[in-house]
Amino acid sequence: MPRKGWRSVTVSEDVYQFFWKEWQRRKQEYKLKYGITSFTGFVTKLLYELIQKEKGSERQAKEGTAQ
């Protein structure tokens, strides 16, 4: 059971392995650059970045500036 304020997400083995390999490859960079020391923190950061990118794309589409 996740701690209060958190939710669990179930992903396929392929998705998990992708993120795990990326974490192993970029662990030191993320620790130094962002202070992220856990796999969960790494995945959360990537998901937040995706959300921000999507929000930016939606905003551009609404403004008619999407490429």
N, C-alpha and C. Protein backbone atom coordinates (compact mmCIF):
# COMPACT_ATOMS: atom_id res chain seq x y z
N MET A 1 0.85 -1.18 0.00
CA MET A 1 0.00 0.00 0.00
C MET A 1 0.89 1.24 0.00
N PRO A 2 0.65 2.15 -0.91
CA PRO A 2 1.46 3.38 -0.97
C PRO A 2 1.18 4.28 0.24
N ARG A 3 2.14 5.12 0.54
CA ARG A 3 1.93 6.06 1.64
C ARG A 3 0.91 7.13 1.24
N LYS A 4 0.41 7.85 2.22
CA LYS A 4 -0.62 8.85 1.99
C LYS A 4 -0.17 9.88 0.95
N GLY A 5 -1.05 10.17 0.00
CA GLY A 5 -0.75 11.14 -1.05
C GLY A 5 -0.11 10.54 -2.29
N TRP A 6 0.09 9.23 -2.29
CA TRP A 6 0.71 8.54 -3.41
C TRP A 6 -0.23 7.46 -3.92
N ARG A 7 -0.07 7.06 -5.17
CA ARG A 7 -0.85 6.00 -5.80
C ARG A 7 0.08 5.02 -6.48
N SER A 8 -0.37 3.79 -6.59
CA SER A 8 0.39 2.78 -7.33
C SER A 8 -0.08 2.76 -8.77
N VAL A 9 0.84 2.47 -9.67
CA VAL A 9 0.52 2.34 -11.08
C VAL A 9 1.10 1.02 -11.55
N THR A 10 0.30 0.26 -12.28
CA THR A 10 0.76 -1.01 -12.83
C THR A 10 1.11 -0.81 -14.30
N VAL A 11 2.32 -1.22 -14.67
CA VAL A 11 2.77 -1.08 -16.05
C VAL A 11 3.25 -2.45 -16.54
N SER A 12 3.35 -2.58 -17.85
CA SER A 12 3.84 -3.83 -18.42
C SER A 12 5.33 -3.98 -18.11
N GLU A 13 5.81 -5.18 -18.20
CA GLU A 13 7.23 -5.47 -17.96
C GLU A 13 8.12 -4.66 -18.89
N ASP A 14 7.70 -4.51 -20.15
CA ASP A 14 8.49 -3.73 -21.12
C ASP A 14 8.65 -2.28 -20.68
N VAL A 15 7.57 -1.69 -20.21
CA VAL A 15 7.62 -0.29 -19.76
C VAL A 15 8.52 -0.19 -18.53
N TYR A 16 8.34 -1.10 -17.59
CA TYR A 16 9.17 -1.09 -16.39
C TYR A 16 10.64 -1.23 -16.75
N GLN A 17 10.97 -2.16 -17.62
CA GLN A 17 12.36 -2.39 -18.00
C GLN A 17 12.96 -1.17 -18.70
N PHE A 18 12.17 -0.49 -19.52
CA PHE A 18 12.65 0.73 -20.17
C PHE A 18 13.07 1.75 -19.13
N PHE A 19 12.16 2.04 -18.18
CA PHE A 19 12.47 3.02 -17.15
C PHE A 19 13.62 2.56 -16.26
N TRP A 20 13.69 1.28 -15.92
CA TRP A 20 14.76 0.78 -15.07
C TRP A 20 16.13 0.93 -15.75
N LYS A 21 16.19 0.60 -17.05
CA LYS A 21 17.46 0.74 -17.78
C LYS A 21 17.87 2.20 -17.88
N GLU A 22 16.90 3.08 -18.12
CA GLU A 22 17.20 4.51 -18.16
C GLU A 22 17.69 4.99 -16.80
N TRP A 23 17.08 4.53 -15.72
CA TRP A 23 17.50 4.89 -14.38
C TRP A 23 18.94 4.44 -14.13
N GLN A 24 19.25 3.22 -14.51
CA GLN A 24 20.61 2.72 -14.30
C GLN A 24 21.62 3.53 -15.10
N ARG A 25 21.24 3.95 -16.28
CA ARG A 25 22.13 4.72 -17.15
C ARG A 25 22.31 6.16 -16.67
N ARG A 26 21.25 6.75 -16.11
CA ARG A 26 21.26 8.18 -15.79
C ARG A 26 21.24 8.49 -14.30
N LYS A 27 21.40 7.46 -13.46
CA LYS A 27 21.30 7.61 -12.01
C LYS A 27 22.23 8.70 -11.47
N GLN A 28 23.47 8.67 -11.84
CA GLN A 28 24.44 9.64 -11.30
C GLN A 28 24.09 11.06 -11.74
N GLU A 29 23.70 11.22 -13.00
CA GLU A 29 23.32 12.53 -13.52
C GLU A 29 22.15 13.11 -12.73
N TYR A 30 21.12 12.30 -12.50
CA TYR A 30 19.93 12.78 -11.81
C TYR A 30 20.21 13.05 -10.33
N LYS A 31 21.12 12.29 -9.75
CA LYS A 31 21.49 12.54 -8.36
C LYS A 31 22.19 13.89 -8.24
N LEU A 32 23.14 14.15 -9.12
CA LEU A 32 23.89 15.40 -9.07
C LEU A 32 23.06 16.60 -9.50
N LYS A 33 22.30 16.45 -10.56
CA LYS A 33 21.58 17.57 -11.15
C LYS A 33 20.29 17.92 -10.40
N TYR A 34 19.56 16.89 -9.94
CA TYR A 34 18.24 17.12 -9.34
C TYR A 34 18.12 16.62 -7.90
N GLY A 35 19.13 15.93 -7.40
CA GLY A 35 19.05 15.38 -6.05
C GLY A 35 18.17 14.15 -5.95
N ILE A 36 17.88 13.53 -7.09
CA ILE A 36 17.01 12.35 -7.12
C ILE A 36 17.87 11.12 -6.84
N THR A 37 17.46 10.36 -5.82
CA THR A 37 18.25 9.20 -5.41
C THR A 37 17.48 7.89 -5.49
N SER A 38 16.24 7.93 -5.98
CA SER A 38 15.44 6.70 -6.03
C SER A 38 14.83 6.52 -7.41
N PHE A 39 14.55 5.27 -7.72
CA PHE A 39 13.90 4.92 -8.98
C PHE A 39 12.53 5.59 -9.05
N THR A 40 11.79 5.57 -7.95
CA THR A 40 10.47 6.20 -7.92
C THR A 40 10.57 7.69 -8.21
N GLY A 41 11.55 8.36 -7.61
CA GLY A 41 11.75 9.78 -7.86
C GLY A 41 12.08 10.06 -9.32
N PHE A 42 12.89 9.19 -9.91
CA PHE A 42 13.26 9.32 -11.32
C PHE A 42 12.03 9.21 -12.22
N VAL A 43 11.23 8.18 -12.02
CA VAL A 43 10.03 7.98 -12.85
C VAL A 43 9.06 9.14 -12.63
N THR A 44 8.90 9.58 -11.40
CA THR A 44 8.00 10.70 -11.11
C THR A 44 8.46 11.95 -11.85
N LYS A 45 9.75 12.23 -11.84
CA LYS A 45 10.27 13.41 -12.55
C LYS A 45 10.00 13.32 -14.05
N LEU A 46 10.23 12.15 -14.64
CA LEU A 46 9.97 11.98 -16.07
C LEU A 46 8.49 12.17 -16.39
N LEU A 47 7.63 11.67 -15.53
CA LEU A 47 6.19 11.84 -15.76
C LEU A 47 5.78 13.30 -15.62
N TYR A 48 6.33 14.01 -14.62
CA TYR A 48 6.05 15.44 -14.49
C TYR A 48 6.50 16.20 -15.74
N GLU A 49 7.67 15.86 -16.25
CA GLU A 49 8.16 16.51 -17.47
C GLU A 49 7.23 16.25 -18.65
N LEU A 50 6.73 15.03 -18.75
CA LEU A 50 5.78 14.69 -19.81
C LEU A 50 4.50 15.51 -19.67
N ILE A 51 4.01 15.64 -18.45
CA ILE A 51 2.80 16.44 -18.20
C ILE A 51 3.03 17.88 -18.64
N GLN A 52 4.15 18.47 -18.26
CA GLN A 52 4.44 19.85 -18.63
C GLN A 52 4.54 20.02 -20.15
N LYS A 53 5.16 19.06 -20.79
CA LYS A 53 5.28 19.09 -22.25
C LYS A 53 3.89 19.02 -22.91
N GLU A 54 3.04 18.13 -22.40
CA GLU A 54 1.69 18.00 -22.94
C GLU A 54 0.87 19.27 -22.71
N LYS A 55 0.98 19.84 -21.54
CA LYS A 55 0.26 21.08 -21.26
C LYS A 55 0.72 22.19 -22.20
N GLY A 56 2.02 22.25 -22.48
CA GLY A 56 2.55 23.24 -23.41
C GLY A 56 2.01 23.03 -24.81
N SER A 57 1.94 21.77 -25.24
CA SER A 57 1.41 21.45 -26.57
C SER A 57 -0.06 21.81 -26.68
N GLU A 58 -0.82 21.53 -25.62
CA GLU A 58 -2.24 21.88 -25.62
C GLU A 58 -2.43 23.39 -25.69
N ARG A 59 -1.61 24.11 -24.93
CA ARG A 59 -1.70 25.57 -24.91
C ARG A 59 -1.40 26.13 -26.29
N GLN A 60 -0.36 25.59 -26.94
CA GLN A 60 0.00 26.07 -28.28
C GLN A 60 -1.10 25.77 -29.27
N ALA A 61 -1.73 24.61 -29.17
CA ALA A 61 -2.81 24.24 -30.08
C ALA A 61 -3.99 25.19 -29.91
N LYS A 62 -4.30 25.54 -28.67
CA LYS A 62 -5.41 26.45 -28.41
C LYS A 62 -5.12 27.85 -28.94
N GLU A 63 -3.86 28.24 -28.88
CA GLU A 63 -3.46 29.56 -29.35
C GLU A 63 -3.21 29.58 -30.85
N GLY A 64 -3.23 28.40 -31.48
CA GLY A 64 -3.01 28.33 -32.90
C GLY A 64 -1.57 28.45 -33.31
N THR A 65 -0.66 28.16 -32.37
CA THR A 65 0.76 28.30 -32.67
C THR A 65 1.47 26.96 -32.81
N ALA A 66 0.71 25.88 -32.79
CA ALA A 66 1.32 24.55 -32.90
C ALA A 66 1.91 24.38 -34.30
N GLN A 67 3.05 23.73 -34.36
CA GLN A 67 3.72 23.51 -35.63
C GLN A 67 3.12 22.33 -36.37
